[in-house]
Amino acid sequence: MSMKDEIASAVPQELEEKEGEKPVEKKGLEKKELLEQLKEFFESQLLAVLATQNGTAPYVSLVAFASDEKLKYILFSTTKATRKYSNLSENHSVSLLIDNRKNAIEDFRDAMAVTVLGKVEPVEDFEHSIMEKIYLMKHPHLVDFLQSPTTVFLKIRAEKYIVVTRFQHVVEVSV
């Protein structure tokens, strides 16, 4: 059974997005298992779509990301001279989409998408070394970019994960 099938099987089969109904909230052992599966999923994906917002409009961009062991933080880096960073300086609330779509018809059945809701914070000096190791283990090709004086290293403090499988099965996990 593939990882996305395992995650989908954690969701009641009858659950469908219906107007006015709230997605299932996972707790306890199920939550622990789901977070473990999400960790594996995150390790398999290199890029995510980061949504930021300035005063008037949302803005999305691709970022190379990594997560800590407990999925409390999602790490990414960006150049300071970007619209993304300007938006983050004004509004720390973000949404990050991590998915495995292949741009094929099968995606409606097979793709998985995880939305991370949270707040962006700078990586602090005391944690920089360990966070940098986590990030560079996944993205060793970005070492020069990460260590550039024009780059800022950031973390999203995850508040909630929204997992969508089989195009309509939704599970929310608060962190």
N, C-alpha and C. Protein backbone atom coordinates (compact mmCIF):
# COMPACT_ATOMS: atom_id res chain seq x y z
N MET A 1 0.85 -1.18 0.00
CA MET A 1 0.00 0.00 0.00
C MET A 1 0.90 1.24 0.00
N SER A 2 0.62 2.17 -0.89
CA SER A 2 1.43 3.38 -0.96
C SER A 2 1.12 4.29 0.22
N MET A 3 2.03 5.23 0.44
CA MET A 3 1.86 6.16 1.57
C MET A 3 0.57 6.96 1.42
N LYS A 4 0.28 7.44 0.21
CA LYS A 4 -0.94 8.24 0.06
C LYS A 4 -2.18 7.39 0.27
N ASP A 5 -2.11 6.09 -0.09
CA ASP A 5 -3.24 5.20 0.18
C ASP A 5 -3.42 4.98 1.68
N GLU A 6 -2.29 4.86 2.40
CA GLU A 6 -2.37 4.70 3.86
C GLU A 6 -3.01 5.92 4.49
N ILE A 7 -2.60 7.10 4.03
CA ILE A 7 -3.18 8.33 4.57
C ILE A 7 -4.66 8.41 4.23
N ALA A 8 -4.98 8.07 2.98
CA ALA A 8 -6.38 8.10 2.57
C ALA A 8 -7.21 7.10 3.36
N SER A 9 -6.61 5.95 3.70
CA SER A 9 -7.37 4.95 4.45
C SER A 9 -7.62 5.38 5.89
N ALA A 10 -6.85 6.36 6.36
CA ALA A 10 -7.08 6.89 7.71
C ALA A 10 -8.33 7.75 7.75
N VAL A 11 -8.85 8.08 6.59
CA VAL A 11 -10.03 8.93 6.47
C VAL A 11 -11.24 8.04 6.23
N PRO A 12 -12.33 8.26 6.94
CA PRO A 12 -13.53 7.47 6.67
C PRO A 12 -13.92 7.58 5.20
N GLN A 13 -14.23 6.45 4.59
CA GLN A 13 -14.51 6.42 3.15
C GLN A 13 -15.73 7.27 2.79
N GLU A 14 -16.66 7.40 3.70
CA GLU A 14 -17.86 8.17 3.38
C GLU A 14 -17.65 9.68 3.48
N LEU A 15 -16.46 10.10 3.97
CA LEU A 15 -16.22 11.53 4.13
C LEU A 15 -16.05 12.18 2.78
N GLU A 16 -16.85 13.16 2.50
CA GLU A 16 -16.72 13.95 1.30
C GLU A 16 -16.93 15.39 1.70
N GLU A 17 -16.32 16.28 0.94
CA GLU A 17 -16.54 17.69 1.19
C GLU A 17 -18.00 18.00 0.88
N LYS A 18 -18.73 18.39 1.87
CA LYS A 18 -20.12 18.78 1.67
C LYS A 18 -20.27 20.18 2.22
N GLU A 19 -21.07 20.94 1.55
CA GLU A 19 -21.27 22.33 1.96
C GLU A 19 -21.72 22.38 3.40
N GLY A 20 -21.02 23.19 4.19
CA GLY A 20 -21.40 23.39 5.58
C GLY A 20 -20.82 22.37 6.54
N GLU A 21 -20.17 21.32 6.05
CA GLU A 21 -19.58 20.32 6.95
C GLU A 21 -18.11 20.60 7.15
N LYS A 22 -17.66 20.37 8.36
CA LYS A 22 -16.26 20.58 8.70
C LYS A 22 -15.48 19.28 8.47
N PRO A 23 -14.25 19.37 7.92
CA PRO A 23 -13.44 18.16 7.77
C PRO A 23 -13.16 17.50 9.11
N VAL A 24 -12.80 16.24 9.07
CA VAL A 24 -12.52 15.47 10.27
C VAL A 24 -11.24 15.97 10.92
N GLU A 25 -11.26 16.11 12.23
CA GLU A 25 -10.07 16.50 13.01
C GLU A 25 -9.50 15.23 13.62
N LYS A 26 -8.21 15.00 13.39
CA LYS A 26 -7.57 13.79 13.91
C LYS A 26 -6.97 14.04 15.29
N LYS A 27 -7.10 13.05 16.18
CA LYS A 27 -6.57 13.16 17.53
C LYS A 27 -5.94 11.85 17.95
N GLY A 28 -5.13 11.90 19.00
CA GLY A 28 -4.58 10.69 19.62
C GLY A 28 -3.66 9.90 18.71
N LEU A 29 -3.80 8.56 18.76
CA LEU A 29 -2.95 7.66 18.02
C LEU A 29 -3.07 7.89 16.52
N GLU A 30 -4.29 8.09 16.03
CA GLU A 30 -4.48 8.36 14.61
C GLU A 30 -3.68 9.59 14.19
N LYS A 31 -3.68 10.60 15.03
CA LYS A 31 -2.94 11.82 14.73
C LYS A 31 -1.45 11.53 14.64
N LYS A 32 -0.93 10.76 15.58
CA LYS A 32 0.49 10.42 15.58
C LYS A 32 0.86 9.67 14.31
N GLU A 33 0.04 8.70 13.91
CA GLU A 33 0.29 7.93 12.69
C GLU A 33 0.23 8.83 11.46
N LEU A 34 -0.75 9.70 11.42
CA LEU A 34 -0.89 10.60 10.28
C LEU A 34 0.31 11.54 10.18
N LEU A 35 0.76 12.08 11.30
CA LEU A 35 1.93 12.96 11.29
C LEU A 35 3.18 12.21 10.81
N GLU A 36 3.30 10.95 11.18
CA GLU A 36 4.43 10.14 10.70
C GLU A 36 4.36 9.96 9.18
N GLN A 37 3.17 9.73 8.67
CA GLN A 37 2.99 9.59 7.23
C GLN A 37 3.25 10.91 6.51
N LEU A 38 2.84 12.01 7.13
CA LEU A 38 3.11 13.32 6.54
C LEU A 38 4.61 13.59 6.49
N LYS A 39 5.31 13.21 7.53
CA LYS A 39 6.76 13.39 7.55
C LYS A 39 7.40 12.68 6.36
N GLU A 40 6.99 11.44 6.13
CA GLU A 40 7.50 10.67 4.99
C GLU A 40 7.14 11.35 3.67
N PHE A 41 5.91 11.84 3.57
CA PHE A 41 5.47 12.53 2.36
C PHE A 41 6.31 13.79 2.12
N PHE A 42 6.54 14.57 3.17
CA PHE A 42 7.33 15.79 3.03
C PHE A 42 8.75 15.48 2.58
N GLU A 43 9.30 14.38 3.07
CA GLU A 43 10.65 14.00 2.67
C GLU A 43 10.72 13.66 1.19
N SER A 44 9.61 13.24 0.61
CA SER A 44 9.59 12.84 -0.80
C SER A 44 9.39 14.02 -1.76
N GLN A 45 9.07 15.19 -1.24
CA GLN A 45 8.80 16.35 -2.08
C GLN A 45 9.86 17.43 -1.86
N LEU A 46 10.36 18.01 -2.94
CA LEU A 46 11.40 19.02 -2.83
C LEU A 46 10.86 20.44 -2.73
N LEU A 47 9.77 20.70 -3.44
CA LEU A 47 9.25 22.06 -3.53
C LEU A 47 7.83 22.16 -2.99
N ALA A 48 7.49 23.37 -2.59
CA ALA A 48 6.14 23.67 -2.13
C ALA A 48 5.75 25.04 -2.66
N VAL A 49 4.46 25.33 -2.63
CA VAL A 49 3.94 26.63 -3.06
C VAL A 49 3.60 27.43 -1.81
N LEU A 50 4.30 28.54 -1.62
CA LEU A 50 4.10 29.41 -0.47
C LEU A 50 3.17 30.55 -0.85
N ALA A 51 2.11 30.73 -0.07
CA ALA A 51 1.19 31.85 -0.28
C ALA A 51 1.42 32.89 0.80
N THR A 52 1.74 34.10 0.36
CA THR A 52 1.90 35.24 1.26
C THR A 52 0.86 36.28 0.85
N GLN A 53 0.78 37.37 1.62
CA GLN A 53 -0.17 38.40 1.25
C GLN A 53 0.34 39.76 1.68
N ASN A 54 0.19 40.71 0.76
CA ASN A 54 0.45 42.10 1.15
C ASN A 54 -0.90 42.72 1.47
N GLY A 55 -0.96 44.02 1.52
CA GLY A 55 -2.21 44.67 1.90
C GLY A 55 -3.35 44.46 0.94
N THR A 56 -3.07 44.12 -0.32
CA THR A 56 -4.14 44.08 -1.30
C THR A 56 -4.36 42.74 -1.98
N ALA A 57 -3.34 41.89 -2.05
CA ALA A 57 -3.52 40.67 -2.83
C ALA A 57 -2.62 39.54 -2.35
N PRO A 58 -3.09 38.31 -2.51
CA PRO A 58 -2.22 37.17 -2.21
C PRO A 58 -1.15 37.02 -3.28
N TYR A 59 -0.08 36.35 -2.92
CA TYR A 59 1.04 36.12 -3.84
C TYR A 59 1.59 34.73 -3.56
N VAL A 60 1.81 33.94 -4.61
CA VAL A 60 2.34 32.59 -4.42
C VAL A 60 3.68 32.45 -5.12
N SER A 61 4.51 31.59 -4.54
CA SER A 61 5.83 31.34 -5.13
C SER A 61 6.31 29.96 -4.70
N LEU A 62 7.20 29.39 -5.51
CA LEU A 62 7.79 28.10 -5.18
C LEU A 62 8.93 28.29 -4.20
N VAL A 63 9.03 27.38 -3.24
CA VAL A 63 10.15 27.39 -2.29
C VAL A 63 10.64 25.96 -2.10
N ALA A 64 11.94 25.83 -1.90
CA ALA A 64 12.52 24.55 -1.47
C ALA A 64 12.30 24.50 0.04
N PHE A 65 11.79 23.39 0.54
CA PHE A 65 11.44 23.33 1.96
C PHE A 65 11.99 22.06 2.60
N ALA A 66 12.02 22.08 3.91
CA ALA A 66 12.32 20.90 4.73
C ALA A 66 11.54 21.05 6.02
N SER A 67 11.30 19.94 6.69
CA SER A 67 10.57 20.01 7.96
C SER A 67 11.41 19.41 9.07
N ASP A 68 11.13 19.86 10.29
CA ASP A 68 11.81 19.26 11.44
C ASP A 68 11.17 17.90 11.74
N GLU A 69 11.78 17.17 12.63
CA GLU A 69 11.37 15.79 12.95
C GLU A 69 9.92 15.69 13.41
N LYS A 70 9.44 16.68 14.16
CA LYS A 70 8.08 16.62 14.72
C LYS A 70 7.05 17.39 13.90
N LEU A 71 7.48 17.91 12.75
CA LEU A 71 6.61 18.70 11.87
C LEU A 71 6.08 19.96 12.54
N LYS A 72 6.80 20.44 13.51
CA LYS A 72 6.42 21.69 14.17
C LYS A 72 6.80 22.88 13.29
N TYR A 73 7.90 22.72 12.55
CA TYR A 73 8.39 23.80 11.70
C TYR A 73 8.62 23.32 10.27
N ILE A 74 8.35 24.21 9.33
CA ILE A 74 8.71 24.02 7.93
C ILE A 74 9.74 25.10 7.61
N LEU A 75 10.88 24.69 7.10
CA LEU A 75 11.99 25.60 6.84
C LEU A 75 12.07 25.96 5.36
N PHE A 76 12.43 27.20 5.08
CA PHE A 76 12.69 27.62 3.71
C PHE A 76 13.57 28.85 3.74
N SER A 77 14.11 29.19 2.60
CA SER A 77 14.96 30.37 2.50
C SER A 77 14.54 31.19 1.29
N THR A 78 14.84 32.46 1.34
CA THR A 78 14.51 33.35 0.23
C THR A 78 15.47 34.53 0.23
N THR A 79 15.57 35.15 -0.90
CA THR A 79 16.36 36.36 -1.00
C THR A 79 15.58 37.51 -0.36
N LYS A 80 16.29 38.39 0.31
CA LYS A 80 15.63 39.52 0.99
C LYS A 80 14.96 40.47 0.01
N ALA A 81 15.46 40.55 -1.22
CA ALA A 81 14.93 41.49 -2.20
C ALA A 81 13.83 40.85 -3.05
N THR A 82 12.89 40.18 -2.41
CA THR A 82 11.78 39.56 -3.14
C THR A 82 10.44 40.08 -2.63
N ARG A 83 9.45 39.98 -3.47
CA ARG A 83 8.08 40.33 -3.05
C ARG A 83 7.64 39.41 -1.91
N LYS A 84 8.04 38.15 -2.01
CA LYS A 84 7.71 37.17 -0.96
C LYS A 84 8.19 37.66 0.40
N TYR A 85 9.45 38.08 0.47
CA TYR A 85 10.00 38.52 1.75
C TYR A 85 9.36 39.83 2.21
N SER A 86 9.10 40.72 1.27
CA SER A 86 8.42 41.97 1.61
C SER A 86 7.04 41.68 2.21
N ASN A 87 6.30 40.77 1.59
CA ASN A 87 4.99 40.39 2.12
C ASN A 87 5.11 39.78 3.51
N LEU A 88 6.10 38.90 3.69
CA LEU A 88 6.29 38.25 4.99
C LEU A 88 6.65 39.24 6.08
N SER A 89 7.34 40.29 5.71
CA SER A 89 7.71 41.32 6.68
C SER A 89 6.48 42.06 7.19
N GLU A 90 5.46 42.18 6.34
CA GLU A 90 4.23 42.87 6.71
C GLU A 90 3.20 41.95 7.36
N ASN A 91 3.14 40.71 6.88
CA ASN A 91 2.11 39.78 7.33
C ASN A 91 2.75 38.40 7.51
N HIS A 92 2.82 37.92 8.75
CA HIS A 92 3.51 36.67 9.06
C HIS A 92 2.66 35.42 8.80
N SER A 93 1.37 35.60 8.55
CA SER A 93 0.49 34.45 8.29
C SER A 93 0.71 33.94 6.87
N VAL A 94 0.88 32.62 6.75
CA VAL A 94 1.12 32.02 5.44
C VAL A 94 0.34 30.72 5.30
N SER A 95 0.29 30.30 4.07
CA SER A 95 -0.22 28.98 3.71
C SER A 95 0.81 28.37 2.78
N LEU A 96 1.08 27.09 2.97
CA LEU A 96 2.07 26.39 2.15
C LEU A 96 1.41 25.13 1.62
N LEU A 97 1.49 24.92 0.31
CA LEU A 97 0.91 23.73 -0.31
C LEU A 97 2.03 22.79 -0.74
N ILE A 98 1.98 21.57 -0.22
CA ILE A 98 2.93 20.52 -0.60
C ILE A 98 2.10 19.43 -1.27
N ASP A 99 2.44 19.09 -2.50
CA ASP A 99 1.65 18.10 -3.22
C ASP A 99 2.53 17.24 -4.11
N ASN A 100 1.93 16.16 -4.61
CA ASN A 100 2.68 15.26 -5.48
C ASN A 100 2.01 15.07 -6.84
N ARG A 101 1.32 16.08 -7.31
CA ARG A 101 0.64 15.96 -8.60
C ARG A 101 1.64 15.81 -9.73
N LYS A 102 1.19 15.16 -10.78
CA LYS A 102 2.03 14.95 -11.95
C LYS A 102 1.44 15.63 -13.18
N ASN A 103 0.40 16.42 -12.99
CA ASN A 103 -0.28 17.11 -14.08
C ASN A 103 -0.87 16.09 -15.07
N ALA A 104 -1.50 15.08 -14.51
CA ALA A 104 -2.11 14.02 -15.30
C ALA A 104 -3.52 13.76 -14.78
N ILE A 105 -4.34 13.14 -15.61
CA ILE A 105 -5.73 12.84 -15.25
C ILE A 105 -5.80 12.00 -13.97
N GLU A 106 -4.81 11.14 -13.76
CA GLU A 106 -4.79 10.28 -12.58
C GLU A 106 -4.69 11.07 -11.29
N ASP A 107 -4.25 12.32 -11.38
CA ASP A 107 -4.13 13.14 -10.18
C ASP A 107 -5.45 13.28 -9.44
N PHE A 108 -6.55 13.25 -10.16
CA PHE A 108 -7.85 13.37 -9.50
C PHE A 108 -8.09 12.21 -8.53
N ARG A 109 -7.44 11.08 -8.80
CA ARG A 109 -7.57 9.91 -7.95
C ARG A 109 -6.36 9.73 -7.04
N ASP A 110 -5.16 9.98 -7.58
CA ASP A 110 -3.93 9.58 -6.90
C ASP A 110 -3.18 10.70 -6.17
N ALA A 111 -3.38 11.93 -6.56
CA ALA A 111 -2.57 13.01 -5.98
C ALA A 111 -2.96 13.28 -4.53
N MET A 112 -1.98 13.75 -3.80
CA MET A 112 -2.20 14.15 -2.41
C MET A 112 -1.71 15.58 -2.26
N ALA A 113 -2.43 16.38 -1.52
CA ALA A 113 -2.03 17.76 -1.25
C ALA A 113 -2.18 18.04 0.24
N VAL A 114 -1.17 18.69 0.78
CA VAL A 114 -1.19 19.06 2.20
C VAL A 114 -1.01 20.57 2.28
N THR A 115 -1.96 21.23 2.90
CA THR A 115 -1.85 22.66 3.15
C THR A 115 -1.39 22.85 4.58
N VAL A 116 -0.35 23.65 4.74
CA VAL A 116 0.18 23.99 6.05
C VAL A 116 -0.26 25.42 6.35
N LEU A 117 -0.93 25.64 7.46
CA LEU A 117 -1.29 26.98 7.90
C LEU A 117 -0.40 27.34 9.08
N GLY A 118 0.15 28.54 9.06
CA GLY A 118 1.02 28.92 10.16
C GLY A 118 1.54 30.33 10.05
N LYS A 119 2.50 30.61 10.90
CA LYS A 119 3.13 31.93 10.97
C LYS A 119 4.63 31.79 10.71
N VAL A 120 5.17 32.73 9.95
CA VAL A 120 6.59 32.73 9.63
C VAL A 120 7.37 33.46 10.71
N GLU A 121 8.50 32.87 11.07
CA GLU A 121 9.42 33.47 12.04
C GLU A 121 10.83 33.31 11.50
N PRO A 122 11.74 34.19 11.89
CA PRO A 122 13.13 33.95 11.51
C PRO A 122 13.69 32.76 12.28
N VAL A 123 14.62 32.05 11.66
CA VAL A 123 15.34 31.01 12.38
C VAL A 123 16.29 31.73 13.34
N GLU A 124 16.16 31.44 14.63
CA GLU A 124 16.95 32.13 15.66
C GLU A 124 18.39 31.63 15.68
N ASP A 125 19.30 32.45 16.21
CA ASP A 125 20.71 32.08 16.28
C ASP A 125 20.94 30.77 17.01
N PHE A 126 20.25 30.56 18.14
CA PHE A 126 20.49 29.36 18.95
C PHE A 126 20.09 28.07 18.23
N GLU A 127 19.19 28.15 17.25
CA GLU A 127 18.71 26.96 16.54
C GLU A 127 19.23 26.89 15.11
N HIS A 128 19.96 27.91 14.70
CA HIS A 128 20.36 28.02 13.30
C HIS A 128 21.15 26.81 12.82
N SER A 129 22.09 26.36 13.61
CA SER A 129 22.96 25.26 13.19
C SER A 129 22.17 23.98 12.91
N ILE A 130 21.28 23.60 13.81
CA ILE A 130 20.52 22.36 13.62
C ILE A 130 19.51 22.52 12.49
N MET A 131 18.86 23.68 12.40
CA MET A 131 17.89 23.91 11.32
C MET A 131 18.58 23.91 9.96
N GLU A 132 19.76 24.51 9.91
CA GLU A 132 20.53 24.53 8.66
C GLU A 132 20.89 23.11 8.24
N LYS A 133 21.28 22.28 9.18
CA LYS A 133 21.62 20.88 8.86
C LYS A 133 20.40 20.15 8.31
N ILE A 134 19.26 20.35 8.93
CA ILE A 134 18.02 19.71 8.45
C ILE A 134 17.74 20.15 7.02
N TYR A 135 17.83 21.44 6.77
CA TYR A 135 17.53 21.99 5.44
C TYR A 135 18.52 21.48 4.40
N LEU A 136 19.81 21.52 4.73
CA LEU A 136 20.84 21.14 3.76
C LEU A 136 20.94 19.63 3.56
N MET A 137 20.45 18.84 4.49
CA MET A 137 20.38 17.39 4.25
C MET A 137 19.45 17.11 3.08
N LYS A 138 18.41 17.88 2.96
CA LYS A 138 17.44 17.70 1.88
C LYS A 138 17.86 18.46 0.63
N HIS A 139 18.50 19.60 0.81
CA HIS A 139 18.86 20.47 -0.32
C HIS A 139 20.34 20.85 -0.27
N PRO A 140 21.26 19.89 -0.40
CA PRO A 140 22.69 20.21 -0.32
C PRO A 140 23.15 21.16 -1.43
N HIS A 141 22.45 21.16 -2.54
CA HIS A 141 22.78 22.04 -3.66
C HIS A 141 22.49 23.52 -3.36
N LEU A 142 21.81 23.81 -2.25
CA LEU A 142 21.47 25.19 -1.90
C LEU A 142 22.38 25.78 -0.83
N VAL A 143 23.50 25.13 -0.54
CA VAL A 143 24.38 25.60 0.53
C VAL A 143 24.86 27.03 0.28
N ASP A 144 25.30 27.34 -0.93
CA ASP A 144 25.79 28.69 -1.22
C ASP A 144 24.66 29.72 -1.12
N PHE A 145 23.49 29.37 -1.63
CA PHE A 145 22.35 30.27 -1.54
C PHE A 145 21.98 30.53 -0.09
N LEU A 146 21.91 29.47 0.71
CA LEU A 146 21.50 29.61 2.11
C LEU A 146 22.48 30.47 2.90
N GLN A 147 23.75 30.37 2.59
CA GLN A 147 24.78 31.09 3.34
C GLN A 147 25.10 32.46 2.77
N SER A 148 24.40 32.86 1.73
CA SER A 148 24.61 34.18 1.14
C SER A 148 24.09 35.27 2.09
N PRO A 149 24.80 36.40 2.16
CA PRO A 149 24.33 37.49 3.02
C PRO A 149 23.01 38.11 2.55
N THR A 150 22.61 37.84 1.31
CA THR A 150 21.35 38.38 0.80
C THR A 150 20.16 37.44 1.03
N THR A 151 20.43 36.29 1.64
CA THR A 151 19.39 35.29 1.89
C THR A 151 18.96 35.33 3.35
N VAL A 152 17.66 35.13 3.56
CA VAL A 152 17.12 35.02 4.91
C VAL A 152 16.59 33.59 5.07
N PHE A 153 16.88 32.99 6.23
CA PHE A 153 16.46 31.63 6.54
C PHE A 153 15.27 31.72 7.49
N LEU A 154 14.14 31.14 7.08
CA LEU A 154 12.89 31.31 7.82
C LEU A 154 12.27 29.97 8.18
N LYS A 155 11.36 30.01 9.14
CA LYS A 155 10.61 28.82 9.51
C LYS A 155 9.14 29.19 9.63
N ILE A 156 8.30 28.27 9.22
CA ILE A 156 6.87 28.41 9.43
C ILE A 156 6.54 27.60 10.68
N ARG A 157 5.98 28.24 11.68
CA ARG A 157 5.49 27.51 12.86
C ARG A 157 4.12 26.97 12.47
N ALA A 158 4.08 25.68 12.19
CA ALA A 158 2.85 25.05 11.71
C ALA A 158 1.78 25.06 12.80
N GLU A 159 0.59 25.50 12.44
CA GLU A 159 -0.55 25.49 13.36
C GLU A 159 -1.53 24.38 12.99
N LYS A 160 -1.64 24.12 11.69
CA LYS A 160 -2.59 23.12 11.22
C LYS A 160 -2.13 22.56 9.88
N TYR A 161 -2.38 21.26 9.69
CA TYR A 161 -2.18 20.60 8.41
C TYR A 161 -3.55 20.18 7.89
N ILE A 162 -3.82 20.48 6.64
CA ILE A 162 -5.06 20.05 5.99
C ILE A 162 -4.65 19.11 4.86
N VAL A 163 -5.03 17.85 4.99
CA VAL A 163 -4.60 16.81 4.06
C VAL A 163 -5.77 16.45 3.15
N VAL A 164 -5.54 16.54 1.83
CA VAL A 164 -6.57 16.17 0.86
C VAL A 164 -6.04 15.02 0.01
N THR A 165 -6.78 13.93 0.00
CA THR A 165 -6.46 12.79 -0.85
C THR A 165 -7.69 12.42 -1.66
N ARG A 166 -7.46 11.71 -2.73
CA ARG A 166 -8.56 11.28 -3.61
C ARG A 166 -9.47 12.43 -3.98
N PHE A 167 -8.88 13.60 -4.10
CA PHE A 167 -9.53 14.82 -4.58
C PHE A 167 -10.59 15.39 -3.65
N GLN A 168 -11.11 14.60 -2.72
CA GLN A 168 -12.20 15.11 -1.88
C GLN A 168 -12.15 14.65 -0.44
N HIS A 169 -11.23 13.79 -0.08
CA HIS A 169 -11.12 13.32 1.30
C HIS A 169 -10.23 14.28 2.07
N VAL A 170 -10.77 14.87 3.11
CA VAL A 170 -10.09 15.93 3.84
C VAL A 170 -9.94 15.56 5.31
N VAL A 171 -8.72 15.75 5.83
CA VAL A 171 -8.45 15.55 7.24
C VAL A 171 -7.66 16.75 7.74
N GLU A 172 -8.02 17.29 8.89
CA GLU A 172 -7.28 18.39 9.49
C GLU A 172 -6.55 17.88 10.72
N VAL A 173 -5.30 18.34 10.88
CA VAL A 173 -4.50 17.98 12.05
C VAL A 173 -3.94 19.25 12.64
N SER A 174 -4.33 19.57 13.86
CA SER A 174 -3.75 20.72 14.56
C SER A 174 -2.44 20.28 15.18
N VAL A 175 -1.46 21.16 15.14
CA VAL A 175 -0.13 20.83 15.67
C VAL A 175 0.09 21.57 16.96
